[in-house]
Protein backbone atom coordinates (compact mmCIF):
# COMPACT_ATOMS: atom_id res chain seq x y z
CA UNK A 1 -85.04 -11.74 192.34
CA UNK A 2 -82.57 -13.03 194.91
CA UNK A 3 -80.06 -13.82 192.17
CA UNK A 4 -80.38 -10.32 190.74
CA UNK A 5 -79.81 -8.75 194.16
CA UNK A 6 -76.76 -10.95 194.72
CA UNK A 7 -75.39 -9.96 191.31
CA UNK A 8 -75.83 -6.26 192.09
CA UNK A 9 -74.07 -6.60 195.44
CA UNK A 10 -71.25 -8.81 194.16
CA UNK A 11 -70.54 -7.42 190.69
CA UNK A 12 -72.17 -4.04 190.10
CA UNK A 13 -72.23 -1.89 193.22
CA UNK A 14 -68.88 -0.73 194.58
CA UNK A 15 -67.79 -1.85 198.03
CA UNK A 16 -68.69 1.40 199.72
CA UNK A 17 -71.55 2.54 201.89
CA UNK A 18 -74.69 3.37 199.92
CA UNK A 19 -77.32 5.85 201.01
CA UNK A 20 -80.79 5.87 199.46
CA UNK A 21 -82.98 8.94 199.66
CA UNK A 22 -86.72 8.62 199.10
CA UNK A 23 -89.06 11.50 198.41
CA UNK A 24 -92.57 11.09 199.73
CA UNK A 25 -95.31 13.60 199.04
CA UNK A 26 -98.86 13.98 200.36
CA UNK A 27 -101.54 12.01 198.54
CA UNK A 28 -103.14 15.10 196.98
CA UNK A 29 -99.81 16.23 195.54
CA UNK A 30 -98.96 12.67 194.47
CA UNK A 31 -102.21 12.47 192.51
CA UNK A 32 -101.56 15.82 190.83
CA UNK A 33 -97.97 14.79 190.00
CA UNK A 34 -99.23 11.58 188.40
CA UNK A 35 -101.17 13.57 185.80
CA UNK A 36 -99.25 16.85 185.56
CA UNK A 37 -95.80 16.35 184.05
CA UNK A 38 -94.75 19.97 184.63
CA UNK A 39 -95.57 19.72 188.32
CA UNK A 40 -93.63 16.45 188.58
CA UNK A 41 -90.60 18.08 186.97
CA UNK A 42 -90.82 21.07 189.31
CA UNK A 43 -91.09 18.97 192.47
CA UNK A 44 -88.34 16.58 191.39
CA UNK A 45 -86.17 19.52 190.36
CA UNK A 46 -86.36 21.00 193.86
CA UNK A 47 -85.61 17.58 195.34
CA UNK A 48 -82.61 17.05 193.04
CA UNK A 49 -81.22 20.51 193.91
CA UNK A 50 -81.49 19.74 197.62
CA UNK A 51 -79.67 16.44 197.14
CA UNK A 52 -77.01 18.27 195.14
CA UNK A 53 -76.49 20.75 197.97
CA UNK A 54 -76.14 17.85 200.39
CA UNK A 55 -73.68 16.06 198.06
CA UNK A 56 -71.54 19.20 197.72
CA UNK A 57 -71.33 19.47 201.49
CA UNK A 58 -70.43 15.79 201.70
CA UNK A 59 -67.66 16.23 199.13
CA UNK A 60 -66.28 19.13 201.15
CA UNK A 61 -66.14 16.78 204.13
CA UNK A 62 -64.25 14.21 202.05
CA UNK A 63 -67.17 11.95 201.15
CA UNK A 64 -67.13 11.31 197.42
CA UNK A 65 -69.53 9.78 194.94
CA UNK A 66 -73.18 10.12 194.21
CA UNK A 67 -75.82 9.47 191.64
CA UNK A 68 -79.40 10.65 191.32
CA UNK A 69 -82.26 8.85 189.62
CA UNK A 70 -86.00 8.58 190.03
CA UNK A 71 -88.81 6.17 189.47
CA UNK A 72 -92.56 6.68 189.27
CA UNK A 73 -93.23 3.08 190.16
CA UNK A 74 -96.95 2.42 190.55
CA UNK A 75 -97.66 6.14 190.81
CA UNK A 76 -100.68 6.05 188.51
CA UNK A 77 -102.29 3.17 190.38
CA UNK A 78 -101.36 4.47 193.85
CA UNK A 79 -102.52 8.00 193.17
CA UNK A 80 -106.01 7.42 194.56
């Protein structure tokens, strides 16, 4: 794991500041999102649009770059 992190820092990620945004939702909504794909898409769509608005404002201020991705890591197990 340490070697992979070192590889990402040294060879993959550019030498610029990186900002990570994390969406957290209440447990009841998290549980529903784990089983309802349409709801997950709707919630993540709103989140992605908000990040896009922020990124546009950042570009206007001269801050460039950005990428959006998501992960449902452990969501099914942690939904309880």
